[in-house]
Amino acid sequence: MARYHIETYGCTANRGESREIERSLREGGHHPVSGPDEADVAILNTCTVVETTEDRMLRRARELDEETPADLVVTGCMALAQGEAFEEAGIDAEILHWDEVPEHVRNGECPTVTAGTDPIVEGVVGILPIARGCMSDCSYCITKQATGKIDSPSVEENLRKARALVHAGAKELRITGQDTGVYGWDDGERKLHVLLERICEEVEGDFRVRVGMANPKGIHGIREELAAVFAEQEQVYNFLHIPVQSGSNEVLAEMRRQHTVTEFREVVETFDDTLEEWTLSTDFVVGFPTEEPEDHEQSLALLRETGPEKINVTRFSKRPGTDAAELKGLGGQVKKDRSSEMTDVMMDVVGSAYDAMVGAEREVLVVEDGTEESVVGYDRAYRQVAIPGGERAGLEPGDTVTCEVTGHNTVYALGQPV
C-alpha cells in the first residue's frame, strides 16, 4: 500500500477530480500523509489558465521532484495540454490523465476496501463533477486540449455520487464541470435541469446545491427549464455562473465563443423574470488581440446593464498551441489600463448589490471557518456572508442560521445572528 501526497490547483472541477483520485486510492488501501517528504508518490493536479500559472506549476513540480523520495505524478490541464514542458524543464515525472493516476499508483493491485473508503468531502462541501469536457472551441483556450469534448456520465450515476456525498456529511453540493450547461449533450439532450430536479427530489438529507460554470450557449437552450427548477427547488442556490467574456459580438466571434451578447442577455432576462432574487456571476477577458476601444466600452456597458454580483476580470494571456496565440497582441499597458477600468466598475456594481442587503434578514448556511473567530456562509442567492464572532457563538460549518446583514466589505456581507 502506498503513502500519497496530493496537491490541487485551479478550478473546482480539478478539485473534484482530485477527490475521485483520492477515493480510488483509499479504496485500494492507500493513505495520505502530511507532506511530500513522507510520501511514496506525490501527485500534482495542475492548472494552465494563464502564463503565470504555468510558471507556478513548473516551479512547484520541480520542488516536489526534489522533495519526494519516490515517484512524482503530474496530471490536470497543464499536464495534458503541455506535458512536454515538464520534460523540457528537467522534471522527472509521470504525465497522466487524472483517471489513470489511481491505476498507476496501485501498480496493478486489486482494490482492497478499507475503513477509509467513504466519499471525501471538503469540510461540509461535496464536489460533484457531473461531466468532463465541453462543446466549445474557443480560440484562446488551452484547457480544451486537455479535456476534450463533453463526456457525460448518466443521471443515475451522478445521483449515486450525490447520495454518497450527502451520506458522507456534505451540506453543500457543488455541481462542477468544464461546462455544466452542456451536460448530456453527447447523448443528444441537455440534462442539467433534469439532474438538478432529481437530486433535489430523490436524494434524502439536508443540503443545498450550487451549479458551477456554464457557458451561455449551452444554457440558452434550456434557460426556461433551468430557471423553473431554480424557482421550484428550495435546495438549489439561486446562483448562475455564465462567463460572457466580452460585450462585443465582434470580439466574441474572434474568440469563437459561440454565443452572442443577445443570447447572454436573454438568459439573464429569463432568470430575472422567473426568480424574485438571484445572483449572476460572469467573467470578462480584457485586452483580447482584436479588442478595439469601442469593444471595451461595450463590455463596460454590459457589465453596468446586467449588474452581476460576482465578476472575474482576466487580462488576455497567450496560451501556446491556441489560435489566438498567433494574433498580434495588445500592449501590456493597454491591458492593464482596461483591466483597472473594468475592476473599478465591477467594484461599484458589486458594492451596490451588497449595500442593498444591509438591514435585511438572511438564512445562511455556514460552510467554513473564517478569520479571527468568524464563520463564513452563503444565503439562498449564494451571496457570501461573514459572521464575526461566529465561532464564539457556537456556529460551525453545516449550521443554518438567520442573520441580519449589518454591513458589507464590498464583495461580501457582514451578518449578525438574530
Protein backbone atom coordinates (compact mmCIF):
# COMPACT_ATOMS: atom_id res chain seq x y z
CA MET A 1 0.00 0.00 0.00
CA ALA A 2 1.34 3.41 -0.99
CA ARG A 3 1.54 6.60 1.01
CA TYR A 4 0.47 9.51 -1.17
CA HIS A 5 0.58 13.32 -1.09
CA ILE A 6 -1.71 15.25 -3.46
CA GLU A 7 -1.83 18.94 -4.32
CA THR A 8 -4.53 20.53 -6.47
CA TYR A 9 -4.57 23.85 -8.29
CA GLY A 10 -7.20 25.56 -10.41
CA CYS A 11 -10.96 25.18 -10.64
CA THR A 12 -13.48 23.16 -8.66
CA ALA A 13 -13.53 20.61 -11.49
CA ASN A 14 -9.85 19.89 -10.77
CA ARG A 15 -10.60 19.58 -7.07
CA GLY A 16 -13.42 17.18 -7.85
CA GLU A 17 -11.08 15.05 -9.94
CA SER A 18 -8.56 15.01 -7.09
CA ARG A 19 -11.32 13.81 -4.78
CA GLU A 20 -12.03 10.98 -7.22
CA ILE A 21 -8.31 10.10 -7.32
CA GLU A 22 -8.23 10.01 -3.52
CA ARG A 23 -11.42 7.95 -3.29
CA SER A 24 -9.99 5.35 -5.65
CA LEU A 25 -6.65 5.26 -3.83
CA ARG A 26 -8.33 4.86 -0.46
CA GLU A 27 -10.47 2.06 -1.85
CA GLY A 28 -7.19 0.39 -2.79
CA GLY A 29 -5.93 0.66 0.77
CA HIS A 30 -3.55 3.58 0.20
CA HIS A 31 -3.48 6.50 2.60
CA PRO A 32 -2.48 10.18 2.65
CA VAL A 33 0.49 11.57 4.55
CA SER A 34 1.16 15.06 5.80
CA GLY A 35 3.80 16.05 3.27
CA PRO A 36 5.72 15.02 0.15
CA ASP A 37 8.81 14.07 2.15
CA GLU A 38 6.83 11.21 3.75
CA ALA A 39 5.15 10.01 0.55
CA ASP A 40 5.84 7.11 -1.78
CA VAL A 41 4.19 9.16 -4.52
CA ALA A 42 3.38 12.84 -4.89
CA ILE A 43 0.51 13.85 -7.19
CA LEU A 44 0.32 17.34 -8.68
CA ASN A 45 -3.04 18.25 -10.27
CA THR A 46 -2.22 21.25 -12.43
CA CYS A 47 -3.91 24.31 -13.93
CA THR A 48 -2.79 26.22 -17.02
CA VAL A 49 -5.18 29.15 -17.35
CA VAL A 50 -2.55 31.87 -17.83
CA GLU A 51 1.23 32.07 -18.26
CA THR A 52 1.90 32.95 -14.63
CA THR A 53 0.00 29.82 -13.58
CA GLU A 54 2.12 27.73 -15.96
CA ASP A 55 5.31 29.10 -14.41
CA ARG A 56 3.97 28.36 -10.94
CA MET A 57 3.13 24.76 -11.91
CA LEU A 58 6.62 24.14 -13.27
CA ARG A 59 8.19 25.63 -10.16
CA ARG A 60 6.03 23.52 -7.83
CA ALA A 61 6.65 20.35 -9.87
CA ARG A 62 10.40 20.95 -9.62
CA GLU A 63 10.11 21.37 -5.83
CA LEU A 64 8.07 18.19 -5.46
CA ASP A 65 10.50 16.30 -7.67
CA GLU A 66 13.25 17.26 -5.22
CA GLU A 67 11.20 16.75 -2.04
CA THR A 68 9.61 13.38 -2.81
CA PRO A 69 11.87 10.34 -2.27
CA ALA A 70 9.91 8.22 -4.75
CA ASP A 71 7.55 8.98 -7.68
CA LEU A 72 6.05 12.24 -8.93
CA VAL A 73 2.84 12.12 -10.98
CA VAL A 74 1.63 15.23 -12.80
CA THR A 75 -1.96 15.41 -14.03
CA GLY A 76 -4.56 18.08 -14.74
CA CYS A 77 -4.87 20.61 -17.54
CA MET A 78 -1.24 21.66 -17.95
CA ALA A 79 -0.03 18.07 -17.84
CA LEU A 80 -2.36 17.08 -20.67
CA ALA A 81 -2.05 20.20 -22.81
CA GLN A 82 1.65 20.91 -22.26
CA GLY A 83 3.14 17.74 -20.86
CA GLU A 84 6.39 18.27 -22.77
CA ALA A 85 7.08 21.42 -20.73
CA PHE A 86 7.88 19.32 -17.66
CA GLU A 87 10.41 17.18 -19.53
CA GLU A 88 11.96 20.28 -21.08
CA ALA A 89 12.31 21.73 -17.59
CA GLY A 90 14.23 18.63 -16.47
CA ILE A 91 11.44 17.38 -14.18
CA ASP A 92 11.25 13.59 -13.73
CA ALA A 93 7.52 12.89 -13.61
CA GLU A 94 4.83 10.60 -15.00
CA ILE A 95 2.39 12.68 -17.08
CA LEU A 96 -1.07 11.09 -16.80
CA HIS A 97 -4.76 11.77 -17.35
CA TRP A 98 -6.44 12.12 -13.97
CA ASP A 99 -8.35 8.82 -14.20
CA GLU A 100 -5.09 6.97 -14.98
CA VAL A 101 -3.47 8.12 -11.75
CA PRO A 102 -5.03 5.59 -9.32
CA GLU A 103 -4.10 2.62 -11.53
CA HIS A 104 -0.54 3.91 -11.86
CA VAL A 105 -0.21 4.30 -8.09
CA ARG A 106 -1.88 0.96 -7.41
CA ASN A 107 0.64 -0.64 -9.80
CA GLY A 108 -1.76 -3.37 -10.86
CA GLU A 109 -3.03 -4.19 -7.37
CA CYS A 110 -6.70 -5.09 -6.95
CA PRO A 111 -8.64 -2.57 -4.87
CA THR A 112 -8.88 -3.56 -1.23
CA VAL A 113 -11.83 -1.96 0.52
CA THR A 114 -10.79 -0.44 3.82
CA ALA A 115 -12.43 1.57 6.56
CA GLY A 116 -11.39 4.75 4.78
CA THR A 117 -13.50 4.29 1.66
CA ASP A 118 -16.24 6.80 2.46
CA PRO A 119 -16.59 9.60 -0.10
CA ILE A 120 -14.30 12.51 0.61
CA VAL A 121 -15.78 15.95 1.25
CA GLU A 122 -14.03 19.25 1.95
CA GLY A 123 -15.48 20.13 5.32
CA VAL A 124 -19.21 20.21 4.61
CA VAL A 125 -18.78 20.85 0.88
CA GLY A 126 -19.09 17.94 -1.54
CA ILE A 127 -17.73 18.49 -5.05
CA LEU A 128 -19.63 16.62 -7.76
CA PRO A 129 -18.03 16.74 -11.25
CA ILE A 130 -21.01 15.78 -13.44
CA ALA A 131 -19.06 15.58 -16.72
CA ARG A 132 -15.72 16.30 -18.31
CA GLY A 133 -15.00 18.37 -21.39
CA CYS A 134 -17.10 20.88 -23.33
CA MET A 135 -18.65 21.54 -26.73
CA SER A 136 -16.78 24.81 -27.33
CA ASP A 137 -13.69 25.54 -29.39
CA CYS A 138 -12.57 28.92 -28.05
CA SER A 139 -9.61 30.36 -29.93
CA TYR A 140 -7.72 31.31 -26.76
CA CYS A 141 -8.38 28.26 -24.57
CA ILE A 142 -5.75 25.61 -23.91
CA THR A 143 -7.91 23.64 -21.46
CA LYS A 144 -9.88 22.04 -24.32
CA GLN A 145 -6.67 20.33 -25.42
CA ALA A 146 -6.64 18.58 -22.06
CA THR A 147 -10.32 17.85 -21.51
CA GLY A 148 -11.69 17.14 -24.99
CA LYS A 149 -15.38 17.06 -25.89
CA ILE A 150 -18.15 16.57 -23.36
CA ASP A 151 -18.29 13.13 -21.78
CA SER A 152 -21.40 12.83 -19.59
CA PRO A 153 -21.97 10.02 -17.10
CA SER A 154 -25.63 9.07 -16.73
CA VAL A 155 -28.05 10.90 -14.47
CA GLU A 156 -28.29 7.73 -12.37
CA GLU A 157 -24.52 7.63 -11.85
CA ASN A 158 -24.40 11.26 -10.77
CA LEU A 159 -27.37 10.67 -8.47
CA ARG A 160 -25.44 7.84 -6.84
CA LYS A 161 -22.44 10.11 -6.30
CA ALA A 162 -24.66 12.86 -4.88
CA ARG A 163 -26.22 10.44 -2.40
CA ALA A 164 -22.78 9.25 -1.33
CA LEU A 165 -21.57 12.82 -0.74
CA VAL A 166 -24.63 13.74 1.32
CA HIS A 167 -24.33 10.48 3.26
CA ALA A 168 -20.69 11.41 3.97
CA GLY A 169 -21.78 14.69 5.54
CA ALA A 170 -21.94 17.17 2.67
CA LYS A 171 -24.29 20.07 3.35
CA GLU A 172 -23.48 21.82 0.09
CA LEU A 173 -23.12 20.01 -3.23
CA ARG A 174 -21.13 21.90 -5.83
CA ILE A 175 -22.03 20.75 -9.32
CA THR A 176 -18.91 21.22 -11.43
CA GLY A 177 -17.54 20.62 -14.89
CA GLN A 178 -15.80 22.46 -17.69
CA ASP A 179 -19.29 23.46 -18.91
CA THR A 180 -22.20 22.18 -16.84
CA GLY A 181 -24.74 23.61 -19.28
CA VAL A 182 -23.96 21.00 -21.95
CA TYR A 183 -24.22 18.03 -19.59
CA GLY A 184 -25.91 15.27 -21.59
CA TRP A 185 -25.29 16.85 -25.00
CA ASP A 186 -23.21 13.83 -26.03
CA ASP A 187 -26.35 11.72 -25.53
CA GLY A 188 -28.38 14.11 -27.67
CA GLU A 189 -30.16 16.05 -24.90
CA ARG A 190 -29.02 18.60 -22.36
CA LYS A 191 -29.94 17.27 -18.92
CA LEU A 192 -28.64 19.71 -16.31
CA HIS A 193 -32.14 20.73 -15.25
CA VAL A 194 -33.20 17.06 -15.11
CA LEU A 195 -30.24 16.14 -12.92
CA LEU A 196 -30.82 19.04 -10.54
CA GLU A 197 -34.51 18.23 -10.14
CA ARG A 198 -33.81 14.58 -9.43
CA ILE A 199 -31.04 15.35 -6.93
CA CYS A 200 -33.41 17.63 -5.02
CA GLU A 201 -36.35 15.21 -5.11
CA GLU A 202 -34.59 11.85 -4.72
CA VAL A 203 -31.53 12.45 -2.52
CA GLU A 204 -32.53 12.43 1.13
CA GLY A 205 -30.89 14.86 3.51
CA ASP A 206 -30.50 18.49 4.46
CA PHE A 207 -28.29 20.09 1.82
CA ARG A 208 -28.04 22.82 -0.80
CA VAL A 209 -26.88 22.66 -4.40
CA ARG A 210 -24.71 25.15 -6.28
CA VAL A 211 -24.42 24.97 -10.06
CA GLY A 212 -20.93 25.58 -11.40
CA MET A 213 -19.76 27.32 -14.57
CA ALA A 214 -21.94 27.01 -17.66
CA ASN A 215 -21.29 28.76 -20.95
CA PRO A 216 -24.13 31.00 -22.18
CA LYS A 217 -24.67 29.00 -25.40
CA GLY A 218 -25.32 25.75 -23.57
CA ILE A 219 -27.62 27.36 -21.00
CA HIS A 220 -29.55 29.40 -23.58
CA GLY A 221 -31.45 26.42 -24.97
CA ILE A 222 -32.62 25.23 -21.54
CA ARG A 223 -32.85 28.60 -19.81
CA GLU A 224 -36.59 28.40 -19.11
CA GLU A 225 -36.46 24.82 -17.82
CA LEU A 226 -33.42 25.58 -15.66
CA ALA A 227 -34.88 28.77 -14.19
CA ALA A 228 -38.06 26.84 -13.35
CA VAL A 229 -36.04 24.23 -11.41
CA PHE A 230 -34.29 27.01 -9.50
CA ALA A 231 -37.66 28.53 -8.60
CA GLU A 232 -39.28 25.24 -7.59
CA GLN A 233 -36.44 23.56 -5.68
CA GLU A 234 -35.52 25.23 -2.40
CA GLN A 235 -32.23 23.33 -2.18
CA VAL A 236 -30.79 24.99 -5.28
CA TYR A 237 -28.91 28.22 -4.72
CA ASN A 238 -30.30 30.98 -6.94
CA PHE A 239 -26.88 31.46 -8.49
CA LEU A 240 -25.63 31.05 -12.04
CA HIS A 241 -22.08 31.47 -13.37
CA ILE A 242 -22.21 32.19 -17.11
CA PRO A 243 -18.98 33.75 -18.45
CA VAL A 244 -19.78 36.23 -21.22
CA GLN A 245 -16.09 37.24 -21.72
CA SER A 246 -16.90 40.31 -23.86
CA GLY A 247 -19.74 42.72 -24.54
CA SER A 248 -18.77 42.90 -28.22
CA ASN A 249 -20.16 40.43 -30.74
CA GLU A 250 -17.14 41.06 -32.97
CA VAL A 251 -14.73 40.05 -30.21
CA LEU A 252 -16.89 37.07 -29.24
CA ALA A 253 -16.70 35.87 -32.85
CA GLU A 254 -12.90 36.16 -32.84
CA MET A 255 -12.86 34.28 -29.55
CA ARG A 256 -15.13 31.61 -31.11
CA ARG A 257 -17.33 31.78 -28.05
CA GLN A 258 -20.43 30.50 -29.95
CA HIS A 259 -22.87 32.76 -28.05
CA THR A 260 -23.88 36.33 -28.81
CA VAL A 261 -24.41 39.21 -26.42
CA THR A 262 -28.15 38.95 -27.11
CA GLU A 263 -28.20 35.29 -26.05
CA PHE A 264 -26.37 36.18 -22.83
CA ARG A 265 -28.94 38.92 -22.17
CA GLU A 266 -31.81 36.52 -22.85
CA VAL A 267 -30.51 34.08 -20.24
CA VAL A 268 -30.24 36.90 -17.71
CA GLU A 269 -33.72 38.20 -18.57
CA THR A 270 -35.26 34.73 -18.17
CA PHE A 271 -33.82 34.37 -14.68
CA ASP A 272 -34.82 37.94 -13.82
CA ASP A 273 -38.40 37.16 -14.87
CA THR A 274 -38.56 33.81 -13.07
CA LEU A 275 -36.76 34.45 -9.79
CA GLU A 276 -37.50 37.14 -7.24
CA GLU A 277 -33.82 37.28 -6.31
CA TRP A 278 -30.74 35.62 -7.76
CA THR A 279 -27.02 36.15 -8.25
CA LEU A 280 -25.42 36.44 -11.66
CA SER A 281 -21.73 35.57 -11.87
CA THR A 282 -19.75 36.19 -15.04
CA ASP A 283 -16.25 36.59 -16.45
CA PHE A 284 -14.67 39.15 -18.76
CA VAL A 285 -11.41 38.87 -20.70
CA VAL A 286 -9.92 42.29 -21.36
CA GLY A 287 -7.27 43.05 -23.97
CA PHE A 288 -8.06 40.30 -26.46
CA PRO A 289 -5.82 40.98 -29.51
CA THR A 290 -8.71 42.22 -31.69
CA GLU A 291 -10.41 44.25 -28.94
CA GLU A 292 -10.80 47.87 -30.02
CA PRO A 293 -11.60 50.74 -27.61
CA GLU A 294 -15.27 50.63 -28.64
CA ASP A 295 -15.37 46.87 -27.90
CA HIS A 296 -14.06 47.54 -24.41
CA GLU A 297 -16.72 50.20 -23.92
CA GLN A 298 -19.40 47.70 -24.93
CA SER A 299 -18.11 45.30 -22.24
CA LEU A 300 -18.28 48.04 -19.62
CA ALA A 301 -21.81 48.91 -20.72
CA LEU A 302 -22.92 45.25 -20.49
CA LEU A 303 -21.39 44.98 -17.03
CA ARG A 304 -23.35 48.01 -15.83
CA GLU A 305 -26.56 46.88 -17.56
CA THR A 306 -26.73 43.30 -16.25
CA GLY A 307 -25.28 44.02 -12.79
CA PRO A 308 -23.52 40.73 -12.00
CA GLU A 309 -22.61 40.39 -8.34
CA LYS A 310 -19.64 38.09 -8.87
CA ILE A 311 -17.23 39.07 -11.64
CA ASN A 312 -13.86 37.70 -12.70
CA VAL A 313 -11.75 40.08 -14.77
CA THR A 314 -8.79 38.50 -16.59
CA ARG A 315 -6.21 40.13 -18.84
CA PHE A 316 -5.74 38.21 -22.06
CA SER A 317 -2.74 35.89 -21.98
CA LYS A 318 -1.46 33.96 -24.98
CA ARG A 319 -1.55 30.19 -24.45
CA PRO A 320 0.76 28.00 -26.53
CA GLY A 321 -0.86 25.97 -29.26
CA THR A 322 -4.02 28.10 -29.43
CA ASP A 323 -5.12 30.04 -32.50
CA ALA A 324 -5.30 33.32 -30.59
CA ALA A 325 -1.61 33.00 -29.73
CA GLU A 326 -0.85 33.69 -33.39
CA LEU A 327 -2.57 37.10 -33.27
CA LYS A 328 -0.62 40.30 -32.69
CA GLY A 329 -1.29 41.18 -29.07
CA LEU A 330 -2.16 44.48 -27.47
CA GLY A 331 0.43 46.19 -25.33
CA GLY A 332 0.71 45.29 -21.66
CA GLN A 333 -0.15 48.82 -20.57
CA VAL A 334 -3.35 48.77 -22.65
CA LYS A 335 -4.45 45.53 -20.99
CA LYS A 336 -3.52 46.86 -17.57
CA ASP A 337 -5.49 50.09 -18.09
CA ARG A 338 -8.58 48.29 -19.37
CA SER A 339 -8.41 45.78 -16.54
CA SER A 340 -8.18 48.59 -13.98
CA GLU A 341 -11.12 50.44 -15.51
CA MET A 342 -13.29 47.33 -15.55
CA THR A 343 -12.29 46.44 -11.99
CA ASP A 344 -13.39 49.90 -10.82
CA VAL A 345 -16.79 49.44 -12.48
CA MET A 346 -17.01 45.94 -11.05
CA MET A 347 -16.41 47.16 -7.50
CA ASP A 348 -19.15 49.78 -7.90
CA VAL A 349 -21.65 47.22 -9.22
CA VAL A 350 -20.86 44.56 -6.60
CA GLY A 351 -20.66 47.07 -3.76
CA SER A 352 -24.11 48.44 -4.64
CA ALA A 353 -25.61 44.96 -4.56
CA TYR A 354 -24.23 44.20 -1.11
CA ASP A 355 -25.13 47.65 0.16
CA ALA A 356 -28.75 46.92 -0.74
CA MET A 357 -28.69 43.91 1.57
CA VAL A 358 -27.93 45.93 4.72
CA GLY A 359 -30.80 45.69 7.21
CA ALA A 360 -32.31 42.57 5.65
CA GLU A 361 -32.51 39.15 7.30
CA ARG A 362 -30.91 36.21 5.50
CA GLU A 363 -30.90 32.47 6.14
CA VAL A 364 -27.24 31.50 5.88
CA LEU A 365 -25.66 28.05 5.53
CA VAL A 366 -22.28 28.14 7.25
CA VAL A 367 -19.69 26.30 5.14
CA GLU A 368 -16.29 27.21 6.59
CA ASP A 369 -14.38 28.94 9.35
CA GLY A 370 -13.26 32.49 8.64
CA THR A 371 -10.61 34.65 10.27
CA GLU A 372 -10.48 35.87 13.85
CA GLU A 373 -13.24 33.55 15.10
CA SER A 374 -15.63 34.41 12.29
CA VAL A 375 -17.51 31.88 10.17
CA VAL A 376 -18.48 32.20 6.51
CA GLY A 377 -21.61 31.06 4.73
CA TYR A 378 -24.00 31.77 1.89
CA ASP A 379 -27.60 32.89 1.62
CA ARG A 380 -30.16 31.44 -0.81
CA ALA A 381 -28.78 33.59 -3.65
CA TYR A 382 -25.24 32.41 -2.86
CA ARG A 383 -24.17 35.80 -1.55
CA GLN A 384 -21.28 35.41 0.85
CA VAL A 385 -21.97 36.39 4.44
CA ALA A 386 -19.23 36.58 7.07
CA ILE A 387 -20.40 36.34 10.68
CA PRO A 388 -17.88 37.99 13.06
CA GLY A 389 -17.57 36.11 16.34
CA GLY A 390 -19.49 33.18 14.91
CA GLU A 391 -17.19 30.62 16.49
CA ARG A 392 -17.68 32.18 19.94
CA ALA A 393 -21.43 31.99 19.34
CA GLY A 394 -21.09 28.24 18.76
CA LEU A 395 -21.62 28.28 14.99
CA GLU A 396 -19.77 25.73 12.90
CA PRO A 397 -19.78 24.50 9.30
CA GLY A 398 -23.05 22.80 8.46
CA ASP A 399 -25.21 25.04 10.65
CA THR A 400 -28.01 27.15 9.19
CA VAL A 401 -28.60 30.47 10.91
CA THR A 402 -30.80 33.51 10.34
CA CYS A 403 -28.72 36.69 10.23
CA GLU A 404 -29.36 40.38 9.98
CA VAL A 405 -26.99 41.98 7.47
CA THR A 406 -25.25 44.77 9.36
CA GLY A 407 -22.76 45.92 6.74
CA HIS A 408 -20.54 44.77 3.92
CA ASN A 409 -16.96 44.79 2.68
CA THR A 410 -17.79 45.36 -0.99
CA VAL A 411 -17.60 41.71 -2.05
CA TYR A 412 -19.23 40.07 0.96
CA ALA A 413 -21.82 40.92 3.57
CA LEU A 414 -21.40 41.07 7.33
CA GLY A 415 -24.10 39.31 9.36
CA GLN A 416 -25.23 39.13 12.97
CA PRO A 417 -27.23 36.09 14.14
CA VAL A 418 -30.83 37.01 15.02
